[in-house]
Amino acid sequence: MVNLIQNENMKIYRRIRTWIMTILLVVIVIAGSLIMFFVEDGQEMKAGEWRTQLENRQTEFRTQLAEPDIDKNVEEFLTKELTLINYQLDNNIPPDQATMWGPIHDLTGMVFLITLFVVIIAGDSIAGEFSTGTIKLLLIRPASRFKIMLSKYYATIIYGIFLLVILFLSSFLFNGVLYGFSGWSQPLLSVSADGVIQEKSTFIQLWQTYLFGTVATVMYVTFAFMISAVFRSSAMAIGISIFAMFAGNIVTSLFQQYAWSKYSIFANIDLTQHINNFPFREEMTMGFSVSVLIAYFILFNILSWAVFTRRDVAA
């Protein structure tokens, strides 16, 4: 099994497109960091102007809260923001945007791009073997079809982990150079529902975001593998998977009013909705979403295994 995984890894990393996607990820991280530092207010925040900006926001929020006809939801939001600002000013704690952690957290959005890259690899993993005819060379080996398929799956996930590490290292090192590494111990501040300030580890929170993003990556990769095994077409597997990534959430949101929409994979694939207390539907919980994703994960794998192991490979 180890030799099969090594063989699949060699196929992935020998291709030019693999390294083009990796380099593109780093370039986007660098470009995004530079924009946040020079074009936005990163440079000024680092220079110590964060107190002035927070004081201006403090005055602005107090003025808005003094309005007699203020909306209740807006009032709740401004109250929490004002509580956070007061705490930062009183304890001399700069906001994330004044340290390297601000842009690093913003760049976690690149996990979606990683998912896109890994789906491209997954979509071509099985279908590409059929298209080029090299599947016959694999099947004449003593290894079972199940092990061959599993090795491809593992190798694809390993590439996704590799890109995730690249994302973290490039964003951490580059923004550390721009903002300085002195903000390593910077706490992540939040306000609880009862208005109490909570300090969390920024590093742990960052990797929690990565972890939830990885769940979506694994689900889309598994879906791409299923399409690849069923249709034996790289273009179709990649096209359908990418279309699902971009259009799935939009289509699902159109049916949000219906209770059955909560069983859609797209309604549950973003687990951060439960951390942020904004579920797709009010009755949905973290346990429910995880259960739905597990069900889809098993279904996709069963279909992939059934088709790949039983379909005839004739000339």
Protein backbone atom coordinates (compact mmCIF):
# COMPACT_ATOMS: atom_id res chain seq x y z
CA MET A 1 0.00 0.00 0.00
CA VAL A 2 2.84 2.36 0.84
CA ASN A 3 4.45 1.72 -2.55
CA LEU A 4 1.15 2.48 -4.29
CA ILE A 5 0.83 5.79 -2.44
CA GLN A 6 4.44 6.66 -3.30
CA ASN A 7 3.72 5.88 -6.93
CA GLU A 8 0.67 8.15 -6.94
CA ASN A 9 2.63 10.92 -5.25
CA MET A 10 5.27 10.67 -7.96
CA LYS A 11 2.57 11.08 -10.61
CA ILE A 12 1.21 14.17 -8.89
CA TYR A 13 4.50 15.97 -8.24
CA ARG A 14 6.04 15.17 -11.61
CA ARG A 15 3.41 17.20 -13.40
CA ILE A 16 4.13 20.84 -14.14
CA ARG A 17 0.59 21.92 -13.30
CA THR A 18 1.06 20.69 -9.73
CA TRP A 19 3.91 23.11 -9.15
CA ILE A 20 2.19 25.89 -11.11
CA MET A 21 -0.76 25.67 -8.70
CA THR A 22 1.60 25.61 -5.71
CA ILE A 23 3.55 28.65 -6.93
CA LEU A 24 0.29 30.43 -7.78
CA LEU A 25 -0.89 29.92 -4.20
CA VAL A 26 2.29 31.52 -2.82
CA VAL A 27 2.07 34.41 -5.30
CA ILE A 28 -1.53 35.14 -4.28
CA VAL A 29 -0.54 35.05 -0.59
CA ILE A 30 2.28 37.52 -1.19
CA ALA A 31 0.13 39.81 -3.35
CA GLY A 32 -2.71 39.76 -0.84
CA SER A 33 -0.34 40.51 2.04
CA LEU A 34 1.21 43.44 0.21
CA ILE A 35 -2.21 44.89 -0.61
CA MET A 36 -3.34 44.62 3.01
CA PHE A 37 -0.10 46.23 4.22
CA PHE A 38 0.43 49.06 1.74
CA VAL A 39 -2.96 49.73 0.09
CA GLU A 40 -5.15 49.14 3.11
CA ASP A 41 -4.31 50.36 6.63
CA GLY A 42 -1.85 47.65 7.66
CA GLN A 43 1.22 49.89 7.55
CA GLU A 44 -0.48 52.65 9.53
CA MET A 45 -1.83 50.21 12.10
CA LYS A 46 1.63 48.74 12.61
CA ALA A 47 3.08 52.23 13.06
CA GLY A 48 0.90 52.76 16.11
CA GLU A 49 -2.10 54.54 14.61
CA TRP A 50 -4.39 51.74 15.71
CA ARG A 51 -5.24 53.63 18.92
CA THR A 52 -6.37 56.67 16.97
CA GLN A 53 -8.49 54.51 14.68
CA LEU A 54 -10.05 52.65 17.60
CA GLU A 55 -10.79 55.92 19.39
CA ASN A 56 -12.48 57.27 16.25
CA ARG A 57 -14.59 54.12 15.97
CA GLN A 58 -15.37 54.38 19.68
CA THR A 59 -16.75 57.90 19.22
CA GLU A 60 -18.67 56.88 16.10
CA PHE A 61 -20.30 53.89 17.78
CA ARG A 62 -21.29 55.90 20.84
CA THR A 63 -22.93 58.47 18.61
CA GLN A 64 -24.89 55.79 16.77
CA LEU A 65 -25.97 54.13 20.02
CA ALA A 66 -27.33 57.47 21.26
CA GLU A 67 -29.83 57.59 18.39
CA PRO A 68 -33.39 57.00 19.71
CA ASP A 69 -34.66 54.95 16.74
CA ILE A 70 -31.70 52.56 16.44
CA ASP A 71 -32.48 49.02 15.32
CA LYS A 72 -32.25 46.38 18.04
CA ASN A 73 -29.86 44.12 16.09
CA VAL A 74 -27.65 47.07 15.19
CA GLU A 75 -27.65 48.17 18.83
CA GLU A 76 -26.57 44.71 19.95
CA PHE A 77 -23.78 44.60 17.38
CA LEU A 78 -22.47 48.09 18.21
CA THR A 79 -22.59 47.36 21.94
CA LYS A 80 -20.40 44.29 21.51
CA GLU A 81 -17.99 46.14 19.24
CA LEU A 82 -17.77 49.02 21.71
CA THR A 83 -17.10 46.61 24.57
CA LEU A 84 -14.27 45.07 22.57
CA ILE A 85 -12.78 48.45 21.65
CA ASN A 86 -12.89 49.66 25.25
CA TYR A 87 -11.10 46.52 26.39
CA GLN A 88 -8.39 46.90 23.76
CA LEU A 89 -7.77 50.55 24.61
CA ASP A 90 -7.77 49.97 28.37
CA ASN A 91 -5.36 47.03 28.15
CA ASN A 92 -3.26 48.38 25.27
CA ILE A 93 -4.05 45.39 23.06
CA PRO A 94 -3.83 46.26 19.36
CA PRO A 95 -6.38 44.77 16.95
CA ASP A 96 -5.38 41.84 14.75
CA GLN A 97 -4.93 44.19 11.78
CA ALA A 98 -1.98 45.83 13.57
CA THR A 99 -0.12 42.50 13.82
CA MET A 100 0.76 39.68 11.47
CA TRP A 101 -2.29 37.69 12.64
CA GLY A 102 -4.80 39.98 10.91
CA PRO A 103 -3.70 39.25 7.33
CA ILE A 104 -2.91 35.63 8.22
CA HIS A 105 -6.51 35.14 9.32
CA ASP A 106 -7.79 36.96 6.23
CA LEU A 107 -5.72 34.65 4.04
CA THR A 108 -7.44 31.57 5.46
CA GLY A 109 -9.94 32.26 2.69
CA MET A 110 -7.34 30.74 0.38
CA VAL A 111 -8.36 27.32 1.71
CA PHE A 112 -11.12 27.54 -0.92
CA LEU A 113 -8.46 27.93 -3.60
CA ILE A 114 -6.64 24.89 -2.19
CA THR A 115 -9.88 22.95 -2.47
CA LEU A 116 -10.16 24.01 -6.10
CA PHE A 117 -6.60 22.84 -6.87
CA VAL A 118 -7.03 19.51 -5.10
CA VAL A 119 -10.33 18.88 -6.88
CA ILE A 120 -8.53 19.32 -10.20
CA ILE A 121 -6.01 16.66 -9.14
CA ALA A 122 -8.76 14.35 -7.85
CA GLY A 123 -10.93 14.73 -10.94
CA ASP A 124 -8.08 13.61 -13.17
CA SER A 125 -6.73 10.90 -10.85
CA ILE A 126 -8.93 8.01 -11.96
CA ALA A 127 -10.43 9.35 -15.19
CA GLY A 128 -6.98 10.28 -16.48
CA GLU A 129 -5.84 6.67 -16.17
CA PHE A 130 -8.75 5.52 -18.35
CA SER A 131 -8.22 8.32 -20.88
CA THR A 132 -4.54 7.50 -21.40
CA GLY A 133 -4.97 3.74 -21.09
CA THR A 134 -2.47 3.48 -18.22
CA ILE A 135 -5.21 1.98 -16.02
CA LYS A 136 -4.33 -1.43 -17.53
CA LEU A 137 -0.77 -1.13 -16.24
CA LEU A 138 -2.12 -0.55 -12.76
CA LEU A 139 -4.60 -3.38 -12.82
CA ILE A 140 -2.06 -6.04 -13.87
CA ARG A 141 -0.31 -5.49 -10.53
CA PRO A 142 -1.09 -7.87 -7.66
CA ALA A 143 -2.72 -5.04 -5.70
CA SER A 144 -6.52 -5.03 -5.62
CA ARG A 145 -8.57 -2.32 -7.28
CA PHE A 146 -9.67 -1.15 -3.87
CA LYS A 147 -6.07 -0.51 -2.79
CA ILE A 148 -5.31 1.26 -6.07
CA MET A 149 -8.29 3.57 -5.62
CA LEU A 150 -7.45 4.13 -1.95
CA SER A 151 -3.83 5.01 -2.76
CA LYS A 152 -5.03 7.64 -5.25
CA TYR A 153 -7.38 9.07 -2.65
CA TYR A 154 -4.67 9.22 0.03
CA ALA A 155 -2.16 10.81 -2.34
CA THR A 156 -4.66 13.51 -3.29
CA ILE A 157 -5.42 14.29 0.36
CA ILE A 158 -1.68 14.43 1.10
CA TYR A 159 -1.29 17.01 -1.66
CA GLY A 160 -4.07 19.04 -0.06
CA ILE A 161 -2.27 18.90 3.30
CA PHE A 162 0.94 19.95 1.54
CA LEU A 163 -0.80 23.03 0.10
CA LEU A 164 -2.28 23.83 3.49
CA VAL A 165 1.18 23.81 5.06
CA ILE A 166 2.47 25.98 2.20
CA LEU A 167 -0.37 28.44 2.82
CA PHE A 168 0.40 28.70 6.51
CA LEU A 169 4.18 28.97 6.13
CA SER A 170 4.07 31.53 3.33
CA SER A 171 1.46 33.73 5.05
CA PHE A 172 3.15 33.41 8.45
CA LEU A 173 6.69 34.13 7.25
CA PHE A 174 5.84 36.91 4.80
CA ASN A 175 3.51 38.77 7.16
CA GLY A 176 5.95 38.19 9.99
CA VAL A 177 8.52 40.09 7.95
CA LEU A 178 6.05 42.90 7.19
CA TYR A 179 4.53 43.31 10.64
CA GLY A 180 7.21 41.76 12.84
CA PHE A 181 7.04 38.52 14.81
CA SER A 182 6.54 40.33 18.11
CA GLY A 183 2.79 39.75 17.94
CA TRP A 184 3.20 35.99 18.33
CA SER A 185 1.43 35.97 21.70
CA GLN A 186 -1.38 38.27 20.51
CA PRO A 187 -4.69 36.95 21.94
CA LEU A 188 -7.81 36.63 19.85
CA LEU A 189 -10.54 38.70 21.52
CA SER A 190 -14.26 38.11 21.26
CA VAL A 191 -17.38 39.14 23.11
CA SER A 192 -19.72 36.47 24.48
CA ALA A 193 -23.51 36.67 24.31
CA ASP A 194 -23.62 38.16 27.83
CA GLY A 195 -21.05 40.85 26.98
CA VAL A 196 -17.97 39.24 28.58
CA ILE A 197 -14.60 39.57 26.87
CA GLN A 198 -13.02 36.21 25.98
CA GLU A 199 -9.35 35.73 25.15
CA LYS A 200 -8.46 32.77 22.94
CA SER A 201 -5.25 31.50 21.42
CA THR A 202 -4.88 33.08 17.98
CA PHE A 203 -2.76 30.18 16.76
CA ILE A 204 -5.30 27.55 17.83
CA GLN A 205 -8.17 29.56 16.34
CA LEU A 206 -6.26 29.82 13.07
CA TRP A 207 -5.80 26.08 12.78
CA GLN A 208 -9.41 25.53 13.77
CA THR A 209 -10.35 27.58 10.73
CA TYR A 210 -7.98 25.50 8.61
CA LEU A 211 -9.51 22.31 10.01
CA PHE A 212 -13.07 23.31 9.12
CA GLY A 213 -11.87 24.34 5.66
CA THR A 214 -10.21 20.94 5.26
CA VAL A 215 -13.55 19.22 5.92
CA ALA A 216 -14.96 20.94 2.84
CA THR A 217 -11.85 19.99 0.87
CA VAL A 218 -12.21 16.31 1.76
CA MET A 219 -15.89 16.31 0.82
CA TYR A 220 -15.31 17.95 -2.57
CA VAL A 221 -12.36 15.64 -3.28
CA THR A 222 -14.50 12.60 -2.45
CA PHE A 223 -17.23 13.94 -4.75
CA ALA A 224 -14.69 14.49 -7.55
CA PHE A 225 -13.39 10.94 -7.13
CA MET A 226 -16.93 9.59 -7.48
CA ILE A 227 -17.58 11.58 -10.66
CA SER A 228 -14.18 10.56 -12.03
CA ALA A 229 -14.86 6.86 -11.40
CA VAL A 230 -18.38 6.95 -12.80
CA PHE A 231 -17.81 8.93 -16.01
CA ARG A 232 -14.12 8.18 -16.70
CA SER A 233 -13.76 11.70 -18.07
CA SER A 234 -11.28 14.13 -16.52
CA ALA A 235 -12.99 17.13 -18.08
CA MET A 236 -16.40 16.07 -16.82
CA ALA A 237 -15.14 15.17 -13.33
CA ILE A 238 -13.28 18.47 -12.93
CA GLY A 239 -16.04 20.52 -14.55
CA ILE A 240 -18.90 19.07 -12.51
CA SER A 241 -16.92 19.32 -9.27
CA ILE A 242 -15.92 22.94 -9.83
CA PHE A 243 -19.48 23.81 -10.86
CA ALA A 244 -20.74 22.22 -7.64
CA MET A 245 -18.26 24.25 -5.60
CA PHE A 246 -19.39 27.56 -7.05
CA ALA A 247 -23.08 26.95 -7.75
CA GLY A 248 -24.00 24.50 -4.99
CA ASN A 249 -24.40 27.09 -2.24
CA ILE A 250 -26.28 29.48 -4.51
CA VAL A 251 -28.77 26.86 -5.63
CA THR A 252 -29.25 25.55 -2.09
CA SER A 253 -29.90 29.06 -0.73
CA LEU A 254 -32.81 29.42 -3.18
CA PHE A 255 -34.58 26.61 -1.33
CA GLN A 256 -33.58 27.69 2.17
CA GLN A 257 -37.20 28.25 3.12
CA TYR A 258 -37.96 24.55 2.72
CA ALA A 259 -37.09 22.21 5.59
CA TRP A 260 -35.68 19.53 3.27
CA SER A 261 -32.92 21.91 2.12
CA LYS A 262 -31.04 21.27 5.36
CA TYR A 263 -30.20 17.78 4.09
CA SER A 264 -28.25 19.19 1.16
CA ILE A 265 -24.49 18.69 1.36
CA PHE A 266 -23.96 22.35 0.50
CA ALA A 267 -26.07 23.49 3.45
CA ASN A 268 -23.79 21.60 5.83
CA ILE A 269 -20.34 21.70 4.25
CA ASP A 270 -19.34 24.97 5.95
CA LEU A 271 -19.07 24.01 9.62
CA THR A 272 -18.00 27.50 10.66
CA GLN A 273 -21.67 28.50 10.43
CA HIS A 274 -22.19 26.83 13.81
CA ILE A 275 -19.13 28.45 15.38
CA ASN A 276 -20.36 31.86 14.24
CA ASN A 277 -23.94 31.05 15.31
CA PHE A 278 -25.33 31.59 11.79
CA PRO A 279 -26.60 28.14 10.71
CA PHE A 280 -28.22 27.64 7.32
CA ARG A 281 -31.47 26.93 9.14
CA GLU A 282 -32.18 27.67 12.78
CA GLU A 283 -32.83 24.04 13.73
CA MET A 284 -29.47 22.86 12.38
CA THR A 285 -26.70 22.01 14.85
CA MET A 286 -23.05 21.04 14.58
CA GLY A 287 -23.94 17.40 15.27
CA PHE A 288 -26.59 17.44 12.54
CA SER A 289 -24.21 18.88 9.93
CA VAL A 290 -21.46 16.41 10.81
CA SER A 291 -23.93 13.52 10.56
CA VAL A 292 -25.14 14.68 7.14
CA LEU A 293 -21.57 15.05 5.86
CA ILE A 294 -20.65 11.58 7.12
CA ALA A 295 -23.66 10.13 5.29
CA TYR A 296 -22.63 11.83 2.02
CA PHE A 297 -19.01 10.79 2.55
CA ILE A 298 -19.99 7.14 2.89
CA LEU A 299 -22.35 7.35 -0.10
CA PHE A 300 -19.72 8.92 -2.39
CA ASN A 301 -17.11 6.34 -1.40
CA ILE A 302 -19.48 3.40 -1.88
CA LEU A 303 -20.38 4.60 -5.37
CA SER A 304 -16.71 5.19 -6.26
CA TRP A 305 -15.70 1.76 -4.97
CA ALA A 306 -18.62 -0.06 -6.62
CA VAL A 307 -18.02 1.47 -10.05
CA PHE A 308 -14.22 1.32 -10.03
CA THR A 309 -13.95 -2.26 -8.77
CA ARG A 310 -16.70 -3.80 -10.92
CA ARG A 311 -16.55 -1.97 -14.24
CA ASP A 312 -14.85 -3.85 -17.04
CA VAL A 313 -11.65 -2.32 -18.44
CA ALA A 314 -11.82 -3.47 -22.01
CA ALA A 315 -9.79 -2.11 -24.90
